[in-house]
């Protein structure tokens, strides 16, 4: 049963690791988990502008400052919802950096914090998708996991496996992966177009396999 438990943790962490590299892309599966749909984001941006305008005009015309502040607050809230992914990534990165600076967390917290902090602003398939980034991330997670054997180590190994499987899968696409320090060094087998029907089909297949694995683990644990 303990082995099955570790297997479930590794499986869950590998799924997260497989999705995580695409957090640097606004429309990726991972990013969609952190933000509203495209239509709702547009609506929030429009409402934000309207509410801020009403609030500022309300105050400038000499009406109640409290009511104007409410309108402005609503505008800020709507704008925040429109940029929810960016706020979550930056806030998560900031927490990692604070933990490293104030509580002497492992250096992987510093590395992860910087990565999360810059992720909303970097180009897709650049820093986050480079093999150099993956090597440093894998080394940090492995060292951290080795200091905390058990479920923590299992989570780290699963996340590492998922991350590298994502990069390995990208190699077969038209965009491929490229080195961070040697940009001209690129591996792309061009078997399918990134974002095309073939990639979506592969993604769906991977999701079905993941669901099947979870069903298997659930059945084993139940019976």
N, C-alpha and C. Protein backbone atom coordinates (compact mmCIF):
# COMPACT_ATOMS: atom_id res chain seq x y z
N UNK A 1 0.82 -1.20 0.00
CA UNK A 1 0.00 0.00 0.00
C UNK A 1 0.86 1.26 0.00
N UNK A 2 2.01 1.19 0.73
CA UNK A 2 2.91 2.34 0.78
C UNK A 2 3.49 2.61 -0.60
N UNK A 3 3.83 1.54 -1.33
CA UNK A 3 4.37 1.70 -2.68
C UNK A 3 3.33 2.36 -3.58
N UNK A 4 2.08 1.93 -3.44
CA UNK A 4 1.00 2.50 -4.25
C UNK A 4 0.83 3.98 -3.94
N UNK A 5 0.94 4.32 -2.64
CA UNK A 5 0.84 5.73 -2.25
C UNK A 5 1.93 6.57 -2.88
N UNK A 6 3.17 6.06 -2.85
CA UNK A 6 4.27 6.78 -3.48
C UNK A 6 4.05 6.90 -4.99
N UNK A 7 3.51 5.84 -5.58
CA UNK A 7 3.24 5.88 -7.02
C UNK A 7 2.21 6.95 -7.36
N UNK A 8 1.19 7.09 -6.52
CA UNK A 8 0.18 8.12 -6.75
C UNK A 8 0.76 9.51 -6.64
N UNK A 9 1.66 9.72 -5.66
CA UNK A 9 2.29 11.03 -5.50
C UNK A 9 3.17 11.35 -6.70
N UNK A 10 3.95 10.37 -7.15
CA UNK A 10 4.81 10.57 -8.32
C UNK A 10 3.97 10.89 -9.55
N UNK A 11 2.87 10.17 -9.70
CA UNK A 11 1.98 10.38 -10.86
C UNK A 11 1.41 11.80 -10.84
N UNK A 12 0.90 12.21 -9.67
CA UNK A 12 0.32 13.54 -9.56
C UNK A 12 1.36 14.63 -9.82
N UNK A 13 2.55 14.45 -9.24
CA UNK A 13 3.62 15.44 -9.43
C UNK A 13 4.09 15.48 -10.88
N UNK A 14 4.11 14.33 -11.54
CA UNK A 14 4.55 14.30 -12.94
C UNK A 14 3.54 15.02 -13.84
N UNK A 15 2.26 14.92 -13.51
CA UNK A 15 1.24 15.65 -14.28
C UNK A 15 1.46 17.16 -14.13
N UNK A 16 1.71 17.60 -12.89
CA UNK A 16 1.97 19.00 -12.64
C UNK A 16 3.25 19.45 -13.35
N UNK A 17 4.28 18.62 -13.27
CA UNK A 17 5.53 18.95 -13.94
C UNK A 17 5.39 18.99 -15.44
N UNK A 18 4.53 18.15 -15.99
CA UNK A 18 4.32 18.15 -17.43
C UNK A 18 3.57 19.37 -17.92
N UNK A 19 2.74 19.95 -17.07
CA UNK A 19 1.98 21.14 -17.46
C UNK A 19 2.74 22.44 -17.17
N UNK A 20 3.58 22.42 -16.14
CA UNK A 20 4.22 23.64 -15.64
C UNK A 20 5.04 24.42 -16.67
N UNK A 21 5.80 23.78 -17.58
CA UNK A 21 6.61 24.58 -18.50
C UNK A 21 5.80 25.54 -19.37
N UNK A 22 4.53 25.24 -19.58
CA UNK A 22 3.71 26.10 -20.43
C UNK A 22 3.04 27.23 -19.66
N UNK A 23 3.41 27.43 -18.40
CA UNK A 23 2.89 28.58 -17.66
C UNK A 23 3.36 29.90 -18.25
N UNK A 24 4.40 29.84 -19.08
CA UNK A 24 4.89 31.07 -19.72
C UNK A 24 4.06 31.44 -20.95
N UNK A 25 3.00 30.67 -21.23
CA UNK A 25 2.13 30.95 -22.38
C UNK A 25 0.72 31.24 -21.87
N UNK A 26 0.16 32.36 -22.29
CA UNK A 26 -1.13 32.81 -21.75
C UNK A 26 -2.28 31.87 -22.02
N UNK A 27 -2.22 31.13 -23.15
CA UNK A 27 -3.37 30.30 -23.52
C UNK A 27 -3.13 28.81 -23.30
N UNK A 28 -2.06 28.45 -22.62
CA UNK A 28 -1.76 27.04 -22.40
C UNK A 28 -2.75 26.41 -21.43
N UNK A 29 -2.75 25.08 -21.39
CA UNK A 29 -3.63 24.36 -20.46
C UNK A 29 -3.33 24.76 -19.02
N UNK A 30 -2.04 24.87 -18.68
CA UNK A 30 -1.66 25.23 -17.31
C UNK A 30 -2.12 26.64 -16.98
N UNK A 31 -1.93 27.58 -17.91
CA UNK A 31 -2.32 28.97 -17.64
C UNK A 31 -3.83 29.12 -17.51
N UNK A 32 -4.59 28.31 -18.25
CA UNK A 32 -6.04 28.41 -18.18
C UNK A 32 -6.57 28.04 -16.80
N UNK A 33 -5.77 27.27 -16.04
CA UNK A 33 -6.18 26.91 -14.68
C UNK A 33 -6.02 28.09 -13.72
N UNK A 34 -5.28 29.11 -14.14
CA UNK A 34 -4.97 30.24 -13.26
C UNK A 34 -5.71 31.51 -13.65
N UNK A 35 -6.53 31.46 -14.68
CA UNK A 35 -7.15 32.69 -15.14
C UNK A 35 -8.55 32.43 -15.68
N UNK A 36 -9.28 33.53 -15.87
CA UNK A 36 -10.61 33.44 -16.46
C UNK A 36 -10.49 33.15 -17.95
N UNK A 37 -11.58 32.79 -18.56
CA UNK A 37 -11.58 32.54 -20.00
C UNK A 37 -11.31 33.84 -20.75
N UNK A 38 -10.97 33.73 -22.02
CA UNK A 38 -10.62 34.90 -22.82
C UNK A 38 -11.77 35.91 -22.86
N UNK A 39 -12.98 35.44 -23.03
CA UNK A 39 -14.14 36.33 -23.08
C UNK A 39 -14.36 37.06 -21.77
N UNK A 40 -14.20 36.34 -20.66
CA UNK A 40 -14.40 36.96 -19.35
C UNK A 40 -13.28 37.96 -19.04
N UNK A 41 -12.05 37.67 -19.51
CA UNK A 41 -10.96 38.63 -19.30
C UNK A 41 -11.23 39.93 -20.04
N UNK A 42 -11.74 39.83 -21.26
CA UNK A 42 -12.07 41.04 -22.02
C UNK A 42 -13.17 41.83 -21.31
N UNK A 43 -14.16 41.10 -20.79
CA UNK A 43 -15.24 41.77 -20.07
C UNK A 43 -14.71 42.49 -18.83
N UNK A 44 -13.82 41.82 -18.08
CA UNK A 44 -13.26 42.43 -16.87
C UNK A 44 -12.44 43.67 -17.20
N UNK A 45 -11.69 43.62 -18.31
CA UNK A 45 -10.90 44.79 -18.70
C UNK A 45 -11.81 45.96 -19.07
N UNK A 46 -12.89 45.65 -19.78
CA UNK A 46 -13.84 46.71 -20.15
C UNK A 46 -14.51 47.30 -18.91
N UNK A 47 -14.95 46.42 -18.01
CA UNK A 47 -15.59 46.90 -16.79
C UNK A 47 -14.62 47.71 -15.93
N UNK A 48 -13.37 47.28 -15.91
CA UNK A 48 -12.37 48.00 -15.14
C UNK A 48 -12.24 49.45 -15.61
N UNK A 49 -12.15 49.62 -16.93
CA UNK A 49 -12.04 50.97 -17.47
C UNK A 49 -13.28 51.82 -17.16
N UNK A 50 -14.44 51.20 -17.29
CA UNK A 50 -15.70 51.92 -17.04
C UNK A 50 -15.81 52.34 -15.57
N UNK A 51 -15.52 51.38 -14.67
CA UNK A 51 -15.63 51.67 -13.23
C UNK A 51 -14.63 52.74 -12.79
N UNK A 52 -13.40 52.65 -13.29
CA UNK A 52 -12.40 53.65 -12.93
C UNK A 52 -12.79 55.03 -13.44
N UNK A 53 -13.32 55.08 -14.66
CA UNK A 53 -13.76 56.35 -15.24
C UNK A 53 -14.89 56.96 -14.40
N UNK A 54 -15.88 56.14 -14.06
CA UNK A 54 -17.01 56.63 -13.26
C UNK A 54 -16.52 57.14 -11.90
N UNK A 55 -15.63 56.37 -11.26
CA UNK A 55 -15.13 56.77 -9.96
C UNK A 55 -14.38 58.08 -9.99
N UNK A 56 -13.50 58.24 -10.98
CA UNK A 56 -12.72 59.48 -11.08
C UNK A 56 -13.63 60.67 -11.38
N UNK A 57 -14.56 60.50 -12.32
CA UNK A 57 -15.48 61.59 -12.65
C UNK A 57 -16.34 61.94 -11.45
N UNK A 58 -16.80 60.92 -10.73
CA UNK A 58 -17.65 61.13 -9.55
C UNK A 58 -16.94 62.02 -8.53
N UNK A 59 -15.64 61.73 -8.30
CA UNK A 59 -14.88 62.51 -7.32
C UNK A 59 -14.57 63.90 -7.85
N UNK A 60 -14.20 64.02 -9.12
CA UNK A 60 -13.87 65.32 -9.71
C UNK A 60 -15.06 66.26 -9.75
N UNK A 61 -16.26 65.71 -9.87
CA UNK A 61 -17.47 66.54 -9.89
C UNK A 61 -17.89 66.96 -8.49
N UNK A 62 -17.18 66.49 -7.50
CA UNK A 62 -17.45 66.93 -6.13
C UNK A 62 -18.49 66.12 -5.40
N UNK A 63 -18.85 64.96 -5.96
CA UNK A 63 -19.80 64.11 -5.27
C UNK A 63 -19.10 63.33 -4.15
N UNK A 64 -19.79 62.42 -3.54
CA UNK A 64 -19.27 61.67 -2.40
C UNK A 64 -17.94 60.97 -2.75
N UNK A 65 -16.91 61.26 -1.95
CA UNK A 65 -15.61 60.62 -2.17
C UNK A 65 -15.71 59.11 -1.88
N UNK A 66 -16.53 58.75 -0.88
CA UNK A 66 -16.67 57.34 -0.52
C UNK A 66 -17.26 56.53 -1.67
N UNK A 67 -18.29 57.09 -2.31
CA UNK A 67 -18.91 56.39 -3.44
C UNK A 67 -17.93 56.29 -4.60
N UNK A 68 -17.20 57.38 -4.85
CA UNK A 68 -16.19 57.36 -5.91
C UNK A 68 -15.12 56.33 -5.64
N UNK A 69 -14.71 56.21 -4.36
CA UNK A 69 -13.70 55.22 -4.00
C UNK A 69 -14.21 53.80 -4.23
N UNK A 70 -15.49 53.59 -3.99
CA UNK A 70 -16.08 52.26 -4.23
C UNK A 70 -16.01 51.91 -5.71
N UNK A 71 -16.35 52.89 -6.58
CA UNK A 71 -16.26 52.66 -8.02
C UNK A 71 -14.82 52.36 -8.43
N UNK A 72 -13.87 53.13 -7.91
CA UNK A 72 -12.46 52.91 -8.24
C UNK A 72 -12.00 51.54 -7.74
N UNK A 73 -12.44 51.17 -6.52
CA UNK A 73 -12.10 49.86 -5.99
C UNK A 73 -12.64 48.73 -6.85
N UNK A 74 -13.87 48.93 -7.34
CA UNK A 74 -14.47 47.92 -8.23
C UNK A 74 -13.67 47.82 -9.52
N UNK A 75 -13.19 48.97 -10.02
CA UNK A 75 -12.38 48.97 -11.23
C UNK A 75 -11.07 48.24 -11.05
N UNK A 76 -10.44 48.47 -9.89
CA UNK A 76 -9.18 47.78 -9.60
C UNK A 76 -9.41 46.28 -9.46
N UNK A 77 -10.51 45.89 -8.82
CA UNK A 77 -10.81 44.47 -8.66
C UNK A 77 -11.06 43.80 -10.01
N UNK A 78 -11.83 44.47 -10.87
CA UNK A 78 -12.10 43.91 -12.19
C UNK A 78 -10.81 43.79 -13.00
N UNK A 79 -9.95 44.81 -12.90
CA UNK A 79 -8.67 44.74 -13.60
C UNK A 79 -7.80 43.62 -13.08
N UNK A 80 -7.85 43.38 -11.77
CA UNK A 80 -7.07 42.29 -11.17
C UNK A 80 -7.56 40.93 -11.66
N UNK A 81 -8.88 40.78 -11.78
CA UNK A 81 -9.43 39.52 -12.29
C UNK A 81 -9.02 39.28 -13.73
N UNK A 82 -8.90 40.35 -14.50
CA UNK A 82 -8.48 40.22 -15.90
C UNK A 82 -7.02 39.79 -16.00
N UNK A 83 -6.25 40.05 -14.96
CA UNK A 83 -4.82 39.70 -14.94
C UNK A 83 -4.52 38.70 -13.82
N UNK A 84 -5.45 37.82 -13.58
CA UNK A 84 -5.34 36.90 -12.45
C UNK A 84 -4.11 36.01 -12.56
N UNK A 85 -3.82 35.50 -13.75
CA UNK A 85 -2.65 34.63 -13.95
C UNK A 85 -1.37 35.36 -13.58
N UNK A 86 -1.23 36.59 -14.06
CA UNK A 86 -0.02 37.37 -13.78
C UNK A 86 0.12 37.61 -12.28
N UNK A 87 -0.97 37.96 -11.63
CA UNK A 87 -0.94 38.24 -10.19
C UNK A 87 -0.57 36.99 -9.40
N UNK A 88 -1.15 35.84 -9.76
CA UNK A 88 -0.86 34.60 -9.05
C UNK A 88 0.61 34.21 -9.20
N UNK A 89 1.13 34.30 -10.43
CA UNK A 89 2.53 33.93 -10.66
C UNK A 89 3.49 34.85 -9.91
N UNK A 90 3.23 36.16 -9.99
CA UNK A 90 4.11 37.12 -9.31
C UNK A 90 4.03 36.95 -7.80
N UNK A 91 2.81 36.78 -7.28
CA UNK A 91 2.64 36.60 -5.84
C UNK A 91 3.32 35.32 -5.35
N UNK A 92 3.19 34.24 -6.13
CA UNK A 92 3.83 32.98 -5.76
C UNK A 92 5.35 33.13 -5.77
N UNK A 93 5.85 33.82 -6.80
CA UNK A 93 7.28 34.06 -6.85
C UNK A 93 7.77 34.90 -5.69
N UNK A 94 7.00 35.91 -5.34
CA UNK A 94 7.37 36.78 -4.22
C UNK A 94 7.42 36.00 -2.91
N UNK A 95 6.45 35.09 -2.71
CA UNK A 95 6.44 34.28 -1.49
C UNK A 95 7.67 33.38 -1.41
N UNK A 96 8.06 32.82 -2.56
CA UNK A 96 9.27 32.00 -2.59
C UNK A 96 10.50 32.83 -2.24
N UNK A 97 10.60 34.02 -2.80
CA UNK A 97 11.76 34.87 -2.54
C UNK A 97 11.80 35.32 -1.08
N UNK A 98 10.62 35.62 -0.52
CA UNK A 98 10.56 36.01 0.89
C UNK A 98 10.97 34.84 1.79
N UNK A 99 10.49 33.65 1.45
CA UNK A 99 10.86 32.47 2.22
C UNK A 99 12.35 32.22 2.19
N UNK A 100 12.96 32.41 1.02
CA UNK A 100 14.40 32.22 0.90
C UNK A 100 15.17 33.27 1.69
N UNK A 101 14.72 34.53 1.61
CA UNK A 101 15.44 35.63 2.25
C UNK A 101 15.25 35.65 3.77
N UNK A 102 14.06 35.34 4.24
CA UNK A 102 13.75 35.51 5.66
C UNK A 102 13.82 34.22 6.47
N UNK A 103 13.58 33.08 5.81
CA UNK A 103 13.50 31.82 6.56
C UNK A 103 14.54 30.80 6.11
N UNK A 104 15.50 31.26 5.33
CA UNK A 104 16.62 30.40 4.93
C UNK A 104 16.16 29.13 4.23
N UNK A 105 15.18 29.28 3.33
CA UNK A 105 14.74 28.14 2.54
C UNK A 105 15.85 27.68 1.60
N UNK A 106 15.70 26.50 1.06
CA UNK A 106 16.66 25.93 0.11
C UNK A 106 16.79 26.83 -1.12
N UNK A 107 17.98 26.80 -1.77
CA UNK A 107 18.20 27.70 -2.89
C UNK A 107 17.25 27.44 -4.06
N UNK A 108 16.62 26.27 -4.11
CA UNK A 108 15.65 26.04 -5.17
C UNK A 108 14.46 26.98 -5.03
N UNK A 109 14.20 27.46 -3.80
CA UNK A 109 13.13 28.45 -3.60
C UNK A 109 13.48 29.77 -4.27
N UNK A 110 14.76 30.16 -4.19
CA UNK A 110 15.22 31.37 -4.87
C UNK A 110 15.08 31.22 -6.38
N UNK A 111 15.52 30.09 -6.90
CA UNK A 111 15.45 29.83 -8.34
C UNK A 111 14.00 29.80 -8.82
N UNK A 112 13.14 29.09 -8.09
CA UNK A 112 11.73 29.00 -8.46
C UNK A 112 11.04 30.34 -8.35
N UNK A 113 11.37 31.09 -7.28
CA UNK A 113 10.77 32.41 -7.09
C UNK A 113 11.08 33.35 -8.23
N UNK A 114 12.33 33.39 -8.67
CA UNK A 114 12.71 34.24 -9.80
C UNK A 114 11.99 33.80 -11.07
N UNK A 115 11.93 32.47 -11.27
CA UNK A 115 11.26 31.94 -12.46
C UNK A 115 9.79 32.33 -12.49
N UNK A 116 9.09 32.16 -11.37
CA UNK A 116 7.67 32.52 -11.30
C UNK A 116 7.47 34.02 -11.48
N UNK A 117 8.39 34.80 -10.92
CA UNK A 117 8.27 36.26 -10.97
C UNK A 117 8.38 36.77 -12.41
N UNK A 118 9.28 36.17 -13.20
CA UNK A 118 9.49 36.66 -14.57
C UNK A 118 8.63 35.93 -15.60
N UNK A 119 7.99 34.83 -15.19
CA UNK A 119 7.27 34.00 -16.15
C UNK A 119 6.20 34.74 -16.96
N UNK A 120 5.44 35.67 -16.36
CA UNK A 120 4.43 36.36 -17.17
C UNK A 120 5.01 37.27 -18.24
N UNK A 121 6.32 37.54 -18.17
CA UNK A 121 6.89 38.55 -19.05
C UNK A 121 7.90 38.00 -20.05
N UNK A 122 8.23 36.71 -19.95
CA UNK A 122 9.21 36.14 -20.87
C UNK A 122 8.51 35.52 -22.08
N UNK A 123 9.28 35.37 -23.14
CA UNK A 123 8.75 34.81 -24.38
C UNK A 123 8.54 33.31 -24.22
N UNK A 124 7.43 32.82 -24.79
CA UNK A 124 7.14 31.39 -24.74
C UNK A 124 8.22 30.60 -25.46
N UNK A 125 8.58 29.44 -24.90
CA UNK A 125 9.63 28.56 -25.42
C UNK A 125 11.00 29.24 -25.44
N UNK A 126 11.26 30.06 -24.43
CA UNK A 126 12.57 30.68 -24.31
C UNK A 126 13.25 30.16 -23.04
N UNK A 127 13.30 30.96 -21.98
CA UNK A 127 14.02 30.56 -20.76
C UNK A 127 13.43 29.28 -20.16
N UNK A 128 12.11 29.28 -19.99
CA UNK A 128 11.46 28.19 -19.25
C UNK A 128 11.59 26.85 -20.00
N UNK A 129 11.67 26.91 -21.32
CA UNK A 129 11.73 25.68 -22.11
C UNK A 129 13.16 25.25 -22.45
N UNK A 130 14.14 25.98 -21.97
CA UNK A 130 15.52 25.65 -22.32
C UNK A 130 16.01 24.45 -21.50
N UNK A 131 16.90 23.63 -22.08
CA UNK A 131 17.45 22.50 -21.32
C UNK A 131 18.29 22.96 -20.13
N UNK A 132 18.92 24.15 -20.24
CA UNK A 132 19.71 24.66 -19.12
C UNK A 132 18.83 24.92 -17.90
N UNK A 133 17.66 25.53 -18.15
CA UNK A 133 16.73 25.78 -17.05
C UNK A 133 16.29 24.47 -16.43
N UNK A 134 15.99 23.48 -17.28
CA UNK A 134 15.53 22.18 -16.77
C UNK A 134 16.60 21.49 -15.95
N UNK A 135 17.86 21.63 -16.36
CA UNK A 135 18.96 20.98 -15.63
C UNK A 135 19.09 21.58 -14.23
N UNK A 136 19.08 22.92 -14.14
CA UNK A 136 19.20 23.57 -12.83
C UNK A 136 18.00 23.23 -11.96
N UNK A 137 16.79 23.28 -12.54
CA UNK A 137 15.58 22.94 -11.78
C UNK A 137 15.64 21.51 -11.27
N UNK A 138 16.04 20.58 -12.13
CA UNK A 138 16.11 19.17 -11.75
C UNK A 138 17.14 18.95 -10.65
N UNK A 139 18.30 19.59 -10.78
CA UNK A 139 19.34 19.46 -9.76
C UNK A 139 18.85 19.98 -8.42
N UNK A 140 18.22 21.16 -8.44
CA UNK A 140 17.73 21.75 -7.20
C UNK A 140 16.67 20.90 -6.53
N UNK A 141 15.71 20.41 -7.32
CA UNK A 141 14.64 19.58 -6.76
C UNK A 141 15.19 18.25 -6.23
N UNK A 142 16.16 17.68 -6.94
CA UNK A 142 16.72 16.40 -6.50
C UNK A 142 17.47 16.57 -5.19
N UNK A 143 18.28 17.63 -5.09
CA UNK A 143 19.03 17.88 -3.86
C UNK A 143 18.07 18.15 -2.70
N UNK A 144 17.04 18.98 -2.97
CA UNK A 144 16.05 19.27 -1.93
C UNK A 144 15.31 18.01 -1.50
N UNK A 145 14.91 17.20 -2.48
CA UNK A 145 14.19 15.96 -2.17
C UNK A 145 15.04 14.98 -1.40
N UNK A 146 16.35 14.92 -1.70
CA UNK A 146 17.23 14.00 -1.00
C UNK A 146 17.38 14.36 0.48
N UNK A 147 17.12 15.63 0.79
CA UNK A 147 17.17 16.07 2.19
C UNK A 147 15.87 15.77 2.93
N UNK A 148 14.84 15.43 2.17
CA UNK A 148 13.53 15.13 2.76
C UNK A 148 12.97 13.87 2.10
N UNK A 149 13.54 12.71 2.43
CA UNK A 149 13.09 11.47 1.79
C UNK A 149 11.63 11.17 2.10
N UNK A 150 11.07 10.34 1.26
CA UNK A 150 9.65 9.99 1.43
C UNK A 150 8.80 10.65 0.37
N UNK A 151 7.68 11.19 0.81
CA UNK A 151 6.74 11.79 -0.13
C UNK A 151 7.32 13.02 -0.81
N UNK A 152 8.15 13.79 -0.09
CA UNK A 152 8.75 14.98 -0.70
C UNK A 152 9.65 14.58 -1.86
N UNK A 153 10.48 13.58 -1.62
CA UNK A 153 11.37 13.10 -2.67
C UNK A 153 10.58 12.54 -3.84
N UNK A 154 9.51 11.81 -3.54
CA UNK A 154 8.66 11.26 -4.60
C UNK A 154 8.05 12.38 -5.43
N UNK A 155 7.61 13.46 -4.76
CA UNK A 155 7.03 14.60 -5.48
C UNK A 155 8.06 15.25 -6.38
N UNK A 156 9.28 15.41 -5.87
CA UNK A 156 10.34 16.04 -6.66
C UNK A 156 10.69 15.20 -7.89
N UNK A 157 10.80 13.89 -7.69
CA UNK A 157 11.13 13.01 -8.81
C UNK A 157 10.01 13.02 -9.86
N UNK A 158 8.77 13.01 -9.39
CA UNK A 158 7.66 13.06 -10.33
C UNK A 158 7.63 14.36 -11.12
N UNK A 159 7.87 15.47 -10.44
CA UNK A 159 7.86 16.78 -11.11
C UNK A 159 8.98 16.85 -12.13
N UNK A 160 10.16 16.36 -11.76
CA UNK A 160 11.29 16.35 -12.70
C UNK A 160 10.95 15.51 -13.94
N UNK A 161 10.39 14.33 -13.71
CA UNK A 161 10.03 13.45 -14.83
C UNK A 161 9.00 14.12 -15.75
N UNK A 162 8.01 14.77 -15.14
CA UNK A 162 7.00 15.45 -15.94
C UNK A 162 7.58 16.60 -16.75
N UNK A 163 8.48 17.37 -16.13
CA UNK A 163 9.09 18.51 -16.82
C UNK A 163 9.89 18.05 -18.05
N UNK A 164 10.73 17.03 -17.84
CA UNK A 164 11.55 16.55 -18.96
C UNK A 164 10.70 15.87 -20.03
N UNK A 165 9.63 15.21 -19.63
CA UNK A 165 8.76 14.60 -20.64
C UNK A 165 8.10 15.67 -21.51
N UNK A 166 7.80 16.82 -20.91
CA UNK A 166 7.24 17.94 -21.68
C UNK A 166 8.26 18.42 -22.71
N UNK A 167 9.50 18.63 -22.27
CA UNK A 167 10.53 19.08 -23.21
C UNK A 167 10.77 18.03 -24.30
N UNK A 168 10.77 16.76 -23.90
CA UNK A 168 10.97 15.69 -24.87
C UNK A 168 9.85 15.70 -25.91
N UNK A 169 8.62 15.92 -25.46
CA UNK A 169 7.50 15.99 -26.40
C UNK A 169 7.61 17.18 -27.33
N UNK A 170 8.12 18.32 -26.82
CA UNK A 170 8.28 19.50 -27.66
C UNK A 170 9.30 19.30 -28.77
N UNK A 171 10.23 18.40 -28.57
CA UNK A 171 11.24 18.13 -29.59
C UNK A 171 10.60 17.67 -30.89
N UNK A 172 9.48 16.97 -30.79
CA UNK A 172 8.83 16.43 -31.99
C UNK A 172 8.04 17.49 -32.75
N UNK A 173 7.81 18.64 -32.15
CA UNK A 173 7.05 19.70 -32.80
C UNK A 173 7.87 20.57 -33.72
N UNK A 174 7.21 21.51 -34.37
CA UNK A 174 7.88 22.40 -35.32
C UNK A 174 8.75 23.44 -34.62
N UNK A 175 8.35 23.84 -33.41
CA UNK A 175 9.13 24.84 -32.67
C UNK A 175 10.31 24.23 -31.94
N UNK A 176 10.15 23.00 -31.44
CA UNK A 176 11.23 22.32 -30.76
C UNK A 176 11.66 23.03 -29.50
N UNK A 177 12.88 22.75 -29.07
CA UNK A 177 13.48 23.44 -27.93
C UNK A 177 14.85 23.95 -28.36
N UNK A 178 15.29 25.04 -27.73
CA UNK A 178 16.60 25.59 -28.07
C UNK A 178 17.37 25.92 -26.80
N UNK A 179 18.68 25.97 -26.95
CA UNK A 179 19.55 26.29 -25.83
C UNK A 179 19.41 27.75 -25.44
N UNK A 180 19.50 28.02 -24.13
CA UNK A 180 19.40 29.38 -23.64
C UNK A 180 20.67 30.17 -23.96
N UNK A 181 21.82 29.53 -23.85
CA UNK A 181 23.09 30.22 -24.04
C UNK A 181 23.64 30.09 -25.46
N UNK A 182 23.12 29.11 -26.20
CA UNK A 182 23.50 28.95 -27.62
C UNK A 182 22.22 28.91 -28.43
N UNK A 183 21.60 30.07 -28.67
CA UNK A 183 20.26 30.12 -29.31
C UNK A 183 20.19 29.40 -30.66
N UNK A 184 21.31 29.32 -31.37
CA UNK A 184 21.28 28.67 -32.67
C UNK A 184 21.19 27.15 -32.55
N UNK A 185 21.48 26.64 -31.34
CA UNK A 185 21.37 25.20 -31.11
C UNK A 185 19.91 24.87 -30.81
N UNK A 186 19.27 24.22 -31.76
CA UNK A 186 17.84 23.93 -31.65
C UNK A 186 17.57 22.50 -32.07
N UNK A 187 16.68 21.83 -31.34
CA UNK A 187 16.26 20.47 -31.69
C UNK A 187 14.77 20.50 -32.01
N UNK A 188 14.42 20.24 -33.24
CA UNK A 188 13.02 20.23 -33.67
C UNK A 188 12.86 19.20 -34.79
N UNK A 189 12.18 18.11 -34.50
CA UNK A 189 11.98 17.06 -35.50
C UNK A 189 10.86 17.40 -36.48
N UNK A 190 10.02 18.38 -36.13
CA UNK A 190 8.96 18.89 -37.01
C UNK A 190 7.99 17.80 -37.49
N UNK A 191 7.64 16.90 -36.59
CA UNK A 191 6.66 15.86 -36.94
C UNK A 191 5.23 16.38 -36.89
N UNK A 192 5.02 17.50 -36.20
CA UNK A 192 3.70 18.13 -36.17
C UNK A 192 3.90 19.61 -35.86
N UNK A 193 2.87 20.40 -36.17
CA UNK A 193 2.90 21.83 -35.88
C UNK A 193 2.45 22.10 -34.46
N UNK A 194 3.22 22.89 -33.74
CA UNK A 194 2.82 23.24 -32.38
C UNK A 194 1.52 24.03 -32.39
N UNK A 195 0.58 23.59 -31.58
CA UNK A 195 -0.73 24.23 -31.54
C UNK A 195 -1.70 23.68 -32.57
N UNK A 196 -1.23 22.73 -33.40
CA UNK A 196 -2.08 22.17 -34.43
C UNK A 196 -2.92 21.00 -33.94
N UNK A 197 -3.63 20.37 -34.89
CA UNK A 197 -4.55 19.28 -34.54
C UNK A 197 -3.81 18.08 -33.96
N UNK A 198 -2.63 17.79 -34.51
CA UNK A 198 -1.87 16.63 -34.02
C UNK A 198 -1.44 16.83 -32.57
N UNK A 199 -0.97 18.03 -32.25
CA UNK A 199 -0.55 18.29 -30.87
C UNK A 199 -1.74 18.22 -29.92
N UNK A 200 -2.88 18.74 -30.35
CA UNK A 200 -4.06 18.69 -29.48
C UNK A 200 -4.50 17.24 -29.25
N UNK A 201 -4.38 16.42 -30.29
CA UNK A 201 -4.76 15.02 -30.17
C UNK A 201 -3.83 14.30 -29.18
N UNK A 202 -2.54 14.59 -29.28
CA UNK A 202 -1.57 13.99 -28.36
C UNK A 202 -1.84 14.43 -26.94
N UNK A 203 -2.18 15.70 -26.78
CA UNK A 203 -2.49 16.23 -25.45
C UNK A 203 -3.70 15.52 -24.85
N UNK A 204 -4.74 15.33 -25.67
CA UNK A 204 -5.93 14.63 -25.19
C UNK A 204 -5.60 13.19 -24.82
N UNK A 205 -4.74 12.56 -25.62
CA UNK A 205 -4.36 11.18 -25.35
C UNK A 205 -3.62 11.08 -24.02
N UNK A 206 -2.71 12.03 -23.78
CA UNK A 206 -1.98 12.05 -22.51
C UNK A 206 -2.93 12.25 -21.33
N UNK A 207 -3.95 13.08 -21.51
CA UNK A 207 -4.92 13.30 -20.45
C UNK A 207 -5.70 12.02 -20.16
N UNK A 208 -6.06 11.29 -21.22
CA UNK A 208 -6.78 10.03 -21.03
C UNK A 208 -5.92 9.00 -20.31
N UNK A 209 -4.64 8.96 -20.66
CA UNK A 209 -3.72 8.03 -19.99
C UNK A 209 -3.61 8.38 -18.51
N UNK A 210 -3.51 9.70 -18.22
CA UNK A 210 -3.41 10.14 -16.83
C UNK A 210 -4.67 9.76 -16.04
N UNK A 211 -5.83 9.95 -16.66
CA UNK A 211 -7.09 9.58 -16.01
C UNK A 211 -7.14 8.08 -15.75
N UNK A 212 -6.69 7.30 -16.74
CA UNK A 212 -6.69 5.84 -16.59
C UNK A 212 -5.79 5.41 -15.45
N UNK A 213 -4.63 6.07 -15.31
CA UNK A 213 -3.71 5.73 -14.22
C UNK A 213 -4.34 6.04 -12.87
N UNK A 214 -5.02 7.19 -12.79
CA UNK A 214 -5.67 7.55 -11.52
C UNK A 214 -6.80 6.58 -11.19
N UNK A 215 -7.53 6.14 -12.19
CA UNK A 215 -8.59 5.16 -11.96
C UNK A 215 -7.99 3.85 -11.44
N UNK A 216 -6.86 3.48 -12.04
CA UNK A 216 -6.18 2.25 -11.60
C UNK A 216 -5.77 2.34 -10.14
N UNK A 217 -5.12 3.47 -9.79
CA UNK A 217 -4.68 3.64 -8.41
C UNK A 217 -5.87 3.68 -7.45
N UNK A 218 -6.95 4.36 -7.87
CA UNK A 218 -8.13 4.41 -7.03
C UNK A 218 -8.73 3.03 -6.81
N UNK A 219 -8.76 2.22 -7.86
CA UNK A 219 -9.33 0.88 -7.75
C UNK A 219 -8.46 -0.01 -6.84
N UNK A 220 -7.14 0.12 -6.98
CA UNK A 220 -6.24 -0.69 -6.14
C UNK A 220 -6.37 -0.30 -4.67
N UNK A 221 -6.43 1.00 -4.42
CA UNK A 221 -6.54 1.45 -3.03
C UNK A 221 -7.89 1.05 -2.41
N UNK A 222 -8.95 1.06 -3.23
CA UNK A 222 -10.29 0.74 -2.72
C UNK A 222 -10.43 -0.74 -2.42
N UNK A 223 -9.90 -1.56 -3.34
CA UNK A 223 -10.09 -3.01 -3.18
C UNK A 223 -8.92 -3.64 -2.40
